[in-house]
Amino acid sequence: MVRLALTLLIALALFAAGKQDLELMELWRAARVVKNFKQPDAKELATAETLLSKMLAPTPDLTLEKSWLALHVLQRSAQLGKDKIWTLQEAQDSRFGRGFLAIRQGEAKPILLQAPHSRSDLHTEDIAFALFAEDKVRAAIWNTASRTQGDLAHAEESYFQAVSRAFAATNPKGIVLQLHGFDKAKRRTKRGQSQEIILSNGSANPPASYSRLAARLAQTLTTAVGVYPHDAKELGATTNTQAKALVALKKPAIQFVHVELSLKQRQRLQSEVKLRQSFISEIWSILGSD
């Protein structure tokens, strides 16, 4: 019932904005059927990263259907209002949990949305889809296998890694925004339990801009927002492989924003359009120009 309600909410939002074509949602939902998880090898990921770099480049090459098909990945197009969206999803006979990727063609903010634990971190897949549908962000990727099958925020080799590296190479001042959910009752400290949102960049020394962002989000969303490790000593993404991959590229302007959301805040972001708009706008206004 919850997922049906969100589907209707997004459909109404798209309709209200003149965005009536739900092809993207249909492709996204179909791609999530994965029976057997299989981690891609280094050779495949190197090829995928090269192809992704071409698709994410300022002047993209979008004629790569045959190259993707050799990896058993389908490149398709969908319409989202006036925007053309290119998607990558596994072929029917090769669904091993590599994920589902959507890339907006044309003008867009250099933001890559990531939902690596979309089904276990309740509502994060829906929030990511709504943010992508409502805002002009460049790309978004969702896991399609369950977290128990494969944890893509901690796997050393994955399509999340490939797209993160390709995005950073082609959008050197971009933002990789990764959404997670946490259970307040499982926090080990009172400071952790007091937070509704915990921000981090995967290191013990986040830039001062993260504290500014936390203060702005706390005011805009009227909730407790902290930064690891200053306000909470846990959920800092210190073992996150996307964070490590971006650090290894030595591109200091790229921003990795790991956002941990309590269930209450996920429910709010899932259901409130204005809240989502404020959330993404504050992130872009502070970190997009940092």
C-alpha atoms as a PDB file:
ATOM      1  CA  MET A   1       0.000   0.000   0.000  1.00  0.00           C
ATOM      2  CA  VAL A   2       2.845   2.406   0.839  1.00  0.00           C
ATOM      3  CA  ARG A   3       4.565   1.812  -2.507  1.00  0.00           C
ATOM      4  CA  LEU A   4       1.268   2.183  -4.368  1.00  0.00           C
ATOM      5  CA  ALA A   5       0.632   5.474  -2.567  1.00  0.00           C
ATOM      6  CA  LEU A   6       4.083   6.775  -3.507  1.00  0.00           C
ATOM      7  CA  THR A   7       3.627   5.685  -7.134  1.00  0.00           C
ATOM      8  CA  LEU A   8       0.384   7.677  -7.238  1.00  0.00           C
ATOM      9  CA  LEU A   9       2.049  10.676  -5.566  1.00  0.00           C
ATOM     10  CA  ILE A  10       4.880  10.728  -8.114  1.00  0.00           C
ATOM     11  CA  ALA A  11       2.441  10.214 -10.966  1.00  0.00           C
ATOM     12  CA  LEU A  12       0.354  13.158  -9.740  1.00  0.00           C
ATOM     13  CA  ALA A  13       3.459  15.299  -9.348  1.00  0.00           C
ATOM     14  CA  LEU A  14       4.569  14.459 -12.871  1.00  0.00           C
ATOM     15  CA  PHE A  15       1.095  15.162 -14.218  1.00  0.00           C
ATOM     16  CA  ALA A  16       0.859  18.490 -12.377  1.00  0.00           C
ATOM     17  CA  ALA A  17       4.156  19.560 -13.938  1.00  0.00           C
ATOM     18  CA  GLY A  18       3.059  18.373 -17.367  1.00  0.00           C
ATOM     19  CA  LYS A  19       5.239  15.270 -17.048  1.00  0.00           C
ATOM     20  CA  GLN A  20       2.792  12.531 -17.877  1.00  0.00           C
ATOM     21  CA  ASP A  21       5.095   9.922 -19.317  1.00  0.00           C
ATOM     22  CA  LEU A  22       5.824   7.182 -16.772  1.00  0.00           C
ATOM     23  CA  GLU A  23       8.107   5.071 -18.989  1.00  0.00           C
ATOM     24  CA  LEU A  24      11.021   5.619 -16.619  1.00  0.00           C
ATOM     25  CA  MET A  25       9.118   4.360 -13.597  1.00  0.00           C
ATOM     26  CA  GLU A  26       8.026   1.255 -15.493  1.00  0.00           C
ATOM     27  CA  LEU A  27      11.605   0.462 -16.557  1.00  0.00           C
ATOM     28  CA  TRP A  28      12.889   1.072 -13.016  1.00  0.00           C
ATOM     29  CA  ARG A  29      10.364  -1.208 -11.374  1.00  0.00           C
ATOM     30  CA  ALA A  30      10.883  -4.004 -13.925  1.00  0.00           C
ATOM     31  CA  ALA A  31      14.670  -3.928 -13.405  1.00  0.00           C
ATOM     32  CA  ARG A  32      14.404  -4.776  -9.714  1.00  0.00           C
ATOM     33  CA  VAL A  33      13.609  -8.457 -10.305  1.00  0.00           C
ATOM     34  CA  VAL A  34      16.921 -10.218  -9.508  1.00  0.00           C
ATOM     35  CA  LYS A  35      17.196 -13.871  -8.517  1.00  0.00           C
ATOM     36  CA  ASN A  36      20.952 -14.505  -8.404  1.00  0.00           C
ATOM     37  CA  PHE A  37      23.572 -11.933  -7.423  1.00  0.00           C
ATOM     38  CA  LYS A  38      26.887 -12.058  -9.250  1.00  0.00           C
ATOM     39  CA  GLN A  39      29.684  -9.559  -8.779  1.00  0.00           C
ATOM     40  CA  PRO A  40      31.148  -8.255 -12.079  1.00  0.00           C
ATOM     41  CA  ASP A  41      34.838  -8.809 -12.722  1.00  0.00           C
ATOM     42  CA  ALA A  42      37.467  -6.101 -13.154  1.00  0.00           C
ATOM     43  CA  LYS A  43      37.533  -6.387 -16.957  1.00  0.00           C
ATOM     44  CA  GLU A  44      33.795  -5.842 -17.272  1.00  0.00           C
ATOM     45  CA  LEU A  45      33.903  -2.897 -14.889  1.00  0.00           C
ATOM     46  CA  ALA A  46      36.750  -1.263 -16.800  1.00  0.00           C
ATOM     47  CA  THR A  47      34.696  -1.507 -19.993  1.00  0.00           C
ATOM     48  CA  ALA A  48      31.586  -0.226 -18.206  1.00  0.00           C
ATOM     49  CA  GLU A  49      33.484   2.718 -16.741  1.00  0.00           C
ATOM     50  CA  THR A  50      34.739   3.713 -20.203  1.00  0.00           C
ATOM     51  CA  LEU A  51      31.220   3.557 -21.634  1.00  0.00           C
ATOM     52  CA  LEU A  52      29.768   5.466 -18.662  1.00  0.00           C
ATOM     53  CA  SER A  53      32.383   8.192 -19.066  1.00  0.00           C
ATOM     54  CA  LYS A  54      31.253   8.638 -22.668  1.00  0.00           C
ATOM     55  CA  MET A  55      27.596   8.880 -21.633  1.00  0.00           C
ATOM     56  CA  LEU A  56      28.277  11.322 -18.771  1.00  0.00           C
ATOM     57  CA  ALA A  57      30.655  13.572 -20.708  1.00  0.00           C
ATOM     58  CA  PRO A  58      29.694  17.226 -21.397  1.00  0.00           C
ATOM     59  CA  THR A  59      29.234  16.206 -25.014  1.00  0.00           C
ATOM     60  CA  PRO A  60      27.915  12.682 -24.512  1.00  0.00           C
ATOM     61  CA  ASP A  61      28.160   9.709 -26.810  1.00  0.00           C
ATOM     62  CA  LEU A  62      24.780   8.023 -26.572  1.00  0.00           C
ATOM     63  CA  THR A  63      25.158   5.576 -29.457  1.00  0.00           C
ATOM     64  CA  LEU A  64      26.555   2.761 -27.342  1.00  0.00           C
ATOM     65  CA  GLU A  65      23.736   0.219 -27.473  1.00  0.00           C
ATOM     66  CA  LYS A  66      25.839  -2.496 -29.107  1.00  0.00           C
ATOM     67  CA  SER A  67      28.734  -1.995 -26.695  1.00  0.00           C
ATOM     68  CA  TRP A  68      26.410  -2.292 -23.701  1.00  0.00           C
ATOM     69  CA  LEU A  69      24.687  -5.319 -25.180  1.00  0.00           C
ATOM     70  CA  ALA A  70      28.052  -7.101 -25.231  1.00  0.00           C
ATOM     71  CA  LEU A  71      27.931  -6.778 -21.415  1.00  0.00           C
ATOM     72  CA  HIS A  72      24.322  -8.013 -21.369  1.00  0.00           C
ATOM     73  CA  VAL A  73      23.140  -4.536 -20.429  1.00  0.00           C
ATOM     74  CA  LEU A  74      20.308  -2.770 -22.254  1.00  0.00           C
ATOM     75  CA  GLN A  75      20.585   0.920 -23.101  1.00  0.00           C
ATOM     76  CA  ARG A  76      17.117   2.378 -23.481  1.00  0.00           C
ATOM     77  CA  SER A  77      15.509   5.793 -23.666  1.00  0.00           C
ATOM     78  CA  ALA A  78      12.497   7.103 -21.782  1.00  0.00           C
ATOM     79  CA  GLN A  79      10.687  10.398 -21.618  1.00  0.00           C
ATOM     80  CA  LEU A  80      10.242  12.301 -18.364  1.00  0.00           C
ATOM     81  CA  GLY A  81       8.163  15.310 -19.307  1.00  0.00           C
ATOM     82  CA  LYS A  82      10.326  17.334 -21.679  1.00  0.00           C
ATOM     83  CA  ASP A  83      13.493  15.526 -20.595  1.00  0.00           C
ATOM     84  CA  LYS A  84      14.942  12.567 -22.430  1.00  0.00           C
ATOM     85  CA  ILE A  85      16.347   9.963 -20.074  1.00  0.00           C
ATOM     86  CA  TRP A  86      18.782   7.205 -20.963  1.00  0.00           C
ATOM     87  CA  THR A  87      18.636   4.084 -18.825  1.00  0.00           C
ATOM     88  CA  LEU A  88      20.907   1.114 -18.321  1.00  0.00           C
ATOM     89  CA  GLN A  89      19.481  -2.130 -17.007  1.00  0.00           C
ATOM     90  CA  GLU A  90      20.421  -5.772 -17.138  1.00  0.00           C
ATOM     91  CA  ALA A  91      19.097  -7.969 -19.915  1.00  0.00           C
ATOM     92  CA  GLN A  92      16.347 -10.367 -18.881  1.00  0.00           C
ATOM     93  CA  ASP A  93      18.630 -13.425 -18.922  1.00  0.00           C
ATOM     94  CA  SER A  94      21.508 -11.671 -17.121  1.00  0.00           C
ATOM     95  CA  ARG A  95      19.990 -10.053 -14.050  1.00  0.00           C
ATOM     96  CA  PHE A  96      22.778 -10.351 -11.508  1.00  0.00           C
ATOM     97  CA  GLY A  97      22.167  -7.228  -9.431  1.00  0.00           C
ATOM     98  CA  ARG A  98      24.391  -4.726 -11.218  1.00  0.00           C
ATOM     99  CA  GLY A  99      21.831  -1.965 -10.677  1.00  0.00           C
ATOM    100  CA  PHE A 100      19.600   0.401 -12.634  1.00  0.00           C
ATOM    101  CA  LEU A 101      20.983   3.707 -13.916  1.00  0.00           C
ATOM    102  CA  ALA A 102      19.180   6.754 -15.302  1.00  0.00           C
ATOM    103  CA  ILE A 103      21.005   9.623 -17.044  1.00  0.00           C
ATOM    104  CA  ARG A 104      19.307  12.902 -17.949  1.00  0.00           C
ATOM    105  CA  GLN A 105      20.210  14.244 -21.383  1.00  0.00           C
ATOM    106  CA  GLY A 106      20.699  17.970 -21.810  1.00  0.00           C
ATOM    107  CA  GLU A 107      21.034  20.637 -19.131  1.00  0.00           C
ATOM    108  CA  ALA A 108      21.247  19.281 -15.580  1.00  0.00           C
ATOM    109  CA  LYS A 109      22.929  19.912 -12.235  1.00  0.00           C
ATOM    110  CA  PRO A 110      26.082  17.762 -11.857  1.00  0.00           C
ATOM    111  CA  ILE A 111      24.573  15.552  -9.143  1.00  0.00           C
ATOM    112  CA  LEU A 112      24.666  11.756  -9.050  1.00  0.00           C
ATOM    113  CA  LEU A 113      22.035  10.263  -6.755  1.00  0.00           C
ATOM    114  CA  GLN A 114      22.767   6.836  -5.276  1.00  0.00           C
ATOM    115  CA  ALA A 115      20.493   4.425  -3.387  1.00  0.00           C
ATOM    116  CA  PRO A 116      22.683   1.361  -2.707  1.00  0.00           C
ATOM    117  CA  HIS A 117      20.433  -0.183  -0.018  1.00  0.00           C
ATOM    118  CA  SER A 118      17.116   0.831  -1.473  1.00  0.00           C
ATOM    119  CA  ARG A 119      14.918  -1.944  -0.192  1.00  0.00           C
ATOM    120  CA  SER A 120      16.522  -2.532   3.211  1.00  0.00           C
ATOM    121  CA  ASP A 121      16.799   1.221   3.894  1.00  0.00           C
ATOM    122  CA  LEU A 122      13.062   1.733   3.573  1.00  0.00           C
ATOM    123  CA  HIS A 123      11.858   4.518   1.234  1.00  0.00           C
ATOM    124  CA  THR A 124      15.337   5.526  -0.013  1.00  0.00           C
ATOM    125  CA  GLU A 125      14.671   4.130  -3.494  1.00  0.00           C
ATOM    126  CA  ASP A 126      11.435   6.115  -3.704  1.00  0.00           C
ATOM    127  CA  ILE A 127      13.057   9.306  -2.412  1.00  0.00           C
ATOM    128  CA  ALA A 128      15.861   8.971  -4.972  1.00  0.00           C
ATOM    129  CA  PHE A 129      13.362   8.424  -7.770  1.00  0.00           C
ATOM    130  CA  ALA A 130      11.276  11.418  -6.711  1.00  0.00           C
ATOM    131  CA  LEU A 131      14.364  13.663  -6.441  1.00  0.00           C
ATOM    132  CA  PHE A 132      15.503  12.567  -9.897  1.00  0.00           C
ATOM    133  CA  ALA A 133      12.045  13.064 -11.397  1.00  0.00           C
ATOM    134  CA  GLU A 134      11.433  16.472  -9.830  1.00  0.00           C
ATOM    135  CA  ASP A 135      14.848  18.113 -10.038  1.00  0.00           C
ATOM    136  CA  LYS A 136      17.249  18.609 -12.925  1.00  0.00           C
ATOM    137  CA  VAL A 137      19.994  16.290 -11.686  1.00  0.00           C
ATOM    138  CA  ARG A 138      22.300  14.482 -14.072  1.00  0.00           C
ATOM    139  CA  ALA A 139      21.999  10.849 -13.001  1.00  0.00           C
ATOM    140  CA  ALA A 140      20.778   8.334 -10.448  1.00  0.00           C
ATOM    141  CA  ILE A 141      21.597   4.700  -9.689  1.00  0.00           C
ATOM    142  CA  TRP A 142      19.707   2.169  -7.600  1.00  0.00           C
ATOM    143  CA  ASN A 143      20.649  -1.303  -6.425  1.00  0.00           C
ATOM    144  CA  THR A 144      18.488  -4.058  -7.895  1.00  0.00           C
ATOM    145  CA  ALA A 145      19.602  -6.968  -5.694  1.00  0.00           C
ATOM    146  CA  SER A 146      18.934  -7.031  -1.978  1.00  0.00           C
ATOM    147  CA  ARG A 147      21.574  -5.906   0.498  1.00  0.00           C
ATOM    148  CA  THR A 148      21.891  -9.480   1.792  1.00  0.00           C
ATOM    149  CA  GLN A 149      22.722 -10.618  -1.742  1.00  0.00           C
ATOM    150  CA  GLY A 150      25.320  -7.897  -2.260  1.00  0.00           C
ATOM    151  CA  ASP A 151      26.142  -4.718  -0.329  1.00  0.00           C
ATOM    152  CA  LEU A 152      27.006  -2.263  -3.095  1.00  0.00           C
ATOM    153  CA  ALA A 153      28.129   0.484  -0.697  1.00  0.00           C
ATOM    154  CA  HIS A 154      30.930  -1.802   0.504  1.00  0.00           C
ATOM    155  CA  ALA A 155      31.705  -4.025  -2.494  1.00  0.00           C
ATOM    156  CA  GLU A 156      35.132  -3.308  -3.978  1.00  0.00           C
ATOM    157  CA  GLU A 157      33.955  -4.081  -7.519  1.00  0.00           C
ATOM    158  CA  SER A 158      30.508  -2.925  -8.618  1.00  0.00           C
ATOM    159  CA  TYR A 159      28.696  -0.718 -11.095  1.00  0.00           C
ATOM    160  CA  PHE A 160      28.272   1.790  -8.258  1.00  0.00           C
ATOM    161  CA  GLN A 161      32.058   2.073  -8.245  1.00  0.00           C
ATOM    162  CA  ALA A 162      32.244   2.380 -12.025  1.00  0.00           C
ATOM    163  CA  VAL A 163      29.611   5.099 -12.278  1.00  0.00           C
ATOM    164  CA  SER A 164      31.104   7.020  -9.322  1.00  0.00           C
ATOM    165  CA  ARG A 165      34.524   7.118 -10.993  1.00  0.00           C
ATOM    166  CA  ALA A 166      33.072   7.952 -14.412  1.00  0.00           C
ATOM    167  CA  PHE A 167      30.914  10.729 -12.956  1.00  0.00           C
ATOM    168  CA  ALA A 168      33.857  12.256 -11.082  1.00  0.00           C
ATOM    169  CA  ALA A 169      36.018  12.152 -14.209  1.00  0.00           C
ATOM    170  CA  THR A 170      33.405  13.945 -16.326  1.00  0.00           C
ATOM    171  CA  ASN A 171      31.881  16.188 -13.638  1.00  0.00           C
ATOM    172  CA  PRO A 172      34.924  17.202 -11.544  1.00  0.00           C
ATOM    173  CA  LYS A 173      32.913  19.741  -9.505  1.00  0.00           C
ATOM    174  CA  GLY A 174      29.918  17.480  -9.058  1.00  0.00           C
ATOM    175  CA  ILE A 175      28.179  15.949  -6.058  1.00  0.00           C
ATOM    176  CA  VAL A 176      27.685  12.248  -5.393  1.00  0.00           C
ATOM    177  CA  LEU A 177      24.681  12.157  -3.056  1.00  0.00           C
ATOM    178  CA  GLN A 178      24.173   8.766  -1.408  1.00  0.00           C
ATOM    179  CA  LEU A 179      21.009   8.069   0.590  1.00  0.00           C
ATOM    180  CA  HIS A 180      20.756   5.685   3.553  1.00  0.00           C
ATOM    181  CA  GLY A 181      18.414   4.951   6.420  1.00  0.00           C
ATOM    182  CA  PHE A 182      19.158   4.226  10.086  1.00  0.00           C
ATOM    183  CA  ASP A 183      17.333   2.995  13.160  1.00  0.00           C
ATOM    184  CA  LYS A 184      17.669   5.481  16.042  1.00  0.00           C
ATOM    185  CA  ALA A 185      17.046   2.717  18.577  1.00  0.00           C
ATOM    186  CA  LYS A 186      20.206   0.918  17.425  1.00  0.00           C
ATOM    187  CA  ARG A 187      22.534   3.878  17.950  1.00  0.00           C
ATOM    188  CA  ARG A 188      25.256   3.271  20.524  1.00  0.00           C
ATOM    189  CA  THR A 189      25.421   6.784  21.993  1.00  0.00           C
ATOM    190  CA  LYS A 190      22.951   9.396  23.165  1.00  0.00           C
ATOM    191  CA  ARG A 191      24.413  11.857  20.669  1.00  0.00           C
ATOM    192  CA  GLY A 192      23.733   9.403  17.867  1.00  0.00           C
ATOM    193  CA  GLN A 193      20.219   8.751  19.129  1.00  0.00           C
ATOM    194  CA  SER A 194      19.484  12.479  19.219  1.00  0.00           C
ATOM    195  CA  GLN A 195      20.130  12.960  15.483  1.00  0.00           C
ATOM    196  CA  GLU A 196      17.483  12.634  12.779  1.00  0.00           C
ATOM    197  CA  ILE A 197      19.958  13.121   9.916  1.00  0.00           C
ATOM    198  CA  ILE A 198      23.693  12.410   9.943  1.00  0.00           C
ATOM    199  CA  LEU A 199      25.925  13.830   7.211  1.00  0.00           C
ATOM    200  CA  SER A 200      29.422  12.645   6.352  1.00  0.00           C
ATOM    201  CA  ASN A 201      31.910  12.571   3.517  1.00  0.00           C
ATOM    202  CA  GLY A 202      33.499   9.262   4.506  1.00  0.00           C
ATOM    203  CA  SER A 203      36.365  10.828   6.442  1.00  0.00           C
ATOM    204  CA  ALA A 204      37.146  11.941   9.982  1.00  0.00           C
ATOM    205  CA  ASN A 205      37.728  15.505   8.743  1.00  0.00           C
ATOM    206  CA  PRO A 206      34.763  16.722   6.689  1.00  0.00           C
ATOM    207  CA  PRO A 207      35.021  20.228   5.218  1.00  0.00           C
ATOM    208  CA  ALA A 208      33.455  23.111   7.131  1.00  0.00           C
ATOM    209  CA  SER A 209      30.794  23.291   4.423  1.00  0.00           C
ATOM    210  CA  TYR A 210      29.224  20.098   5.830  1.00  0.00           C
ATOM    211  CA  SER A 211      28.602  21.829   9.159  1.00  0.00           C
ATOM    212  CA  ARG A 212      27.096  24.776   7.295  1.00  0.00           C
ATOM    213  CA  LEU A 213      24.897  22.355   5.374  1.00  0.00           C
ATOM    214  CA  ALA A 214      23.807  20.619   8.587  1.00  0.00           C
ATOM    215  CA  ALA A 215      22.826  23.949  10.138  1.00  0.00           C
ATOM    216  CA  ARG A 216      20.867  24.974   7.047  1.00  0.00           C
ATOM    217  CA  LEU A 217      19.064  21.626   6.776  1.00  0.00           C
ATOM    218  CA  ALA A 218      18.243  21.698  10.491  1.00  0.00           C
ATOM    219  CA  GLN A 219      16.599  25.085  10.016  1.00  0.00           C
ATOM    220  CA  THR A 220      14.845  24.276   6.748  1.00  0.00           C
ATOM    221  CA  LEU A 221      13.643  20.795   7.718  1.00  0.00           C
ATOM    222  CA  THR A 222      13.099  21.743  11.392  1.00  0.00           C
ATOM    223  CA  THR A 223      14.887  18.662  12.672  1.00  0.00           C
ATOM    224  CA  ALA A 224      18.172  17.596  14.292  1.00  0.00           C
ATOM    225  CA  VAL A 225      20.986  17.324  11.732  1.00  0.00           C
ATOM    226  CA  GLY A 226      24.514  16.362  12.713  1.00  0.00           C
ATOM    227  CA  VAL A 227      27.873  15.795  11.037  1.00  0.00           C
ATOM    228  CA  TYR A 228      30.159  12.811  11.604  1.00  0.00           C
ATOM    229  CA  PRO A 229      32.333  12.817  13.709  1.00  0.00           C
ATOM    230  CA  HIS A 230      31.514  16.156  15.358  1.00  0.00           C
ATOM    231  CA  ASP A 231      27.904  15.465  16.343  1.00  0.00           C
ATOM    232  CA  ALA A 232      27.786  11.673  16.108  1.00  0.00           C
ATOM    233  CA  LYS A 233      30.570   9.104  16.355  1.00  0.00           C
ATOM    234  CA  GLU A 234      28.850   6.527  14.136  1.00  0.00           C
ATOM    235  CA  LEU A 235      27.440   6.169  10.616  1.00  0.00           C
ATOM    236  CA  GLY A 236      30.363   8.070   9.135  1.00  0.00           C
ATOM    237  CA  ALA A 237      30.754   6.034   5.900  1.00  0.00           C
ATOM    238  CA  THR A 238      34.395   5.379   6.792  1.00  0.00           C
ATOM    239  CA  THR A 239      34.259   1.943   5.095  1.00  0.00           C
ATOM    240  CA  ASN A 240      32.136   3.094   2.151  1.00  0.00           C
ATOM    241  CA  THR A 241      33.801   2.016  -1.095  1.00  0.00           C
ATOM    242  CA  GLN A 242      32.364   4.861  -3.186  1.00  0.00           C
ATOM    243  CA  ALA A 243      33.879   7.373  -0.770  1.00  0.00           C
ATOM    244  CA  LYS A 244      37.229   5.589  -0.966  1.00  0.00           C
ATOM    245  CA  ALA A 245      37.081   5.397  -4.775  1.00  0.00           C
ATOM    246  CA  LEU A 246      36.492   9.137  -5.070  1.00  0.00           C
ATOM    247  CA  VAL A 247      39.328   9.942  -2.653  1.00  0.00           C
ATOM    248  CA  ALA A 248      41.653   7.703  -4.678  1.00  0.00           C
ATOM    249  CA  LEU A 249      40.932   9.772  -7.797  1.00  0.00           C
ATOM    250  CA  LYS A 250      42.504  12.825  -6.086  1.00  0.00           C
ATOM    251  CA  LYS A 251      39.858  15.212  -7.385  1.00  0.00           C
ATOM    252  CA  PRO A 252      39.291  17.436  -4.335  1.00  0.00           C
ATOM    253  CA  ALA A 253      36.416  19.377  -5.914  1.00  0.00           C
ATOM    254  CA  ILE A 254      34.153  16.318  -6.170  1.00  0.00           C
ATOM    255  CA  GLN A 255      31.843  16.093  -3.173  1.00  0.00           C
ATOM    256  CA  PHE A 256      30.707  12.784  -1.662  1.00  0.00           C
ATOM    257  CA  VAL A 257      27.690  13.364   0.587  1.00  0.00           C
ATOM    258  CA  HIS A 258      26.614  10.377   2.652  1.00  0.00           C
ATOM    259  CA  VAL A 259      23.189  11.073   4.161  1.00  0.00           C
ATOM    260  CA  GLU A 260      21.781   8.877   6.914  1.00  0.00           C
ATOM    261  CA  LEU A 261      18.062   9.460   7.489  1.00  0.00           C
ATOM    262  CA  SER A 262      15.896   8.305  10.369  1.00  0.00           C
ATOM    263  CA  LEU A 263      12.655   6.558   9.477  1.00  0.00           C
ATOM    264  CA  LYS A 264      10.686   9.686  10.369  1.00  0.00           C
ATOM    265  CA  GLN A 265      12.743  11.839   7.986  1.00  0.00           C
ATOM    266  CA  ARG A 266      12.505   9.252   5.227  1.00  0.00           C
ATOM    267  CA  GLN A 267       8.733   9.224   5.599  1.00  0.00           C
ATOM    268  CA  ARG A 268       8.670  13.023   5.419  1.00  0.00           C
ATOM    269  CA  LEU A 269      10.896  13.170   2.339  1.00  0.00           C
ATOM    270  CA  GLN A 270       8.891  10.421   0.702  1.00  0.00           C
ATOM    271  CA  SER A 271       5.570  12.199   1.106  1.00  0.00           C
ATOM    272  CA  GLU A 272       6.362  15.948   0.999  1.00  0.00           C
ATOM    273  CA  VAL A 273       7.333  17.475  -2.345  1.00  0.00           C
ATOM    274  CA  LYS A 274       8.330  20.863  -0.883  1.00  0.00           C
ATOM    275  CA  LEU A 275      10.557  19.169   1.679  1.00  0.00           C
ATOM    276  CA  ARG A 276      12.380  17.250  -1.067  1.00  0.00           C
ATOM    277  CA  GLN A 277      12.831  20.457  -3.026  1.00  0.00           C
ATOM    278  CA  SER A 278      14.309  22.201   0.021  1.00  0.00           C
ATOM    279  CA  PHE A 279      16.543  19.215   0.783  1.00  0.00           C
ATOM    280  CA  ILE A 280      18.176  19.048  -2.655  1.00  0.00           C
ATOM    281  CA  SER A 281      18.287  22.841  -3.028  1.00  0.00           C
ATOM    282  CA  GLU A 282      20.177  23.332   0.230  1.00  0.00           C
ATOM    283  CA  ILE A 283      22.699  20.633  -0.690  1.00  0.00           C
ATOM    284  CA  TRP A 284      23.305  22.191  -4.083  1.00  0.00           C
ATOM    285  CA  SER A 285      23.442  25.791  -2.846  1.00  0.00           C
ATOM    286  CA  ILE A 286      26.119  25.027  -0.249  1.00  0.00           C
ATOM    287  CA  LEU A 287      28.173  22.190  -1.716  1.00  0.00           C
ATOM    288  CA  GLY A 288      27.617  22.855  -5.395  1.00  0.00           C
ATOM    289  CA  SER A 289      29.552  26.096  -5.137  1.00  0.00           C
ATOM    290  CA  ASP A 290      31.989  24.980  -2.428  1.00  0.00           C
END
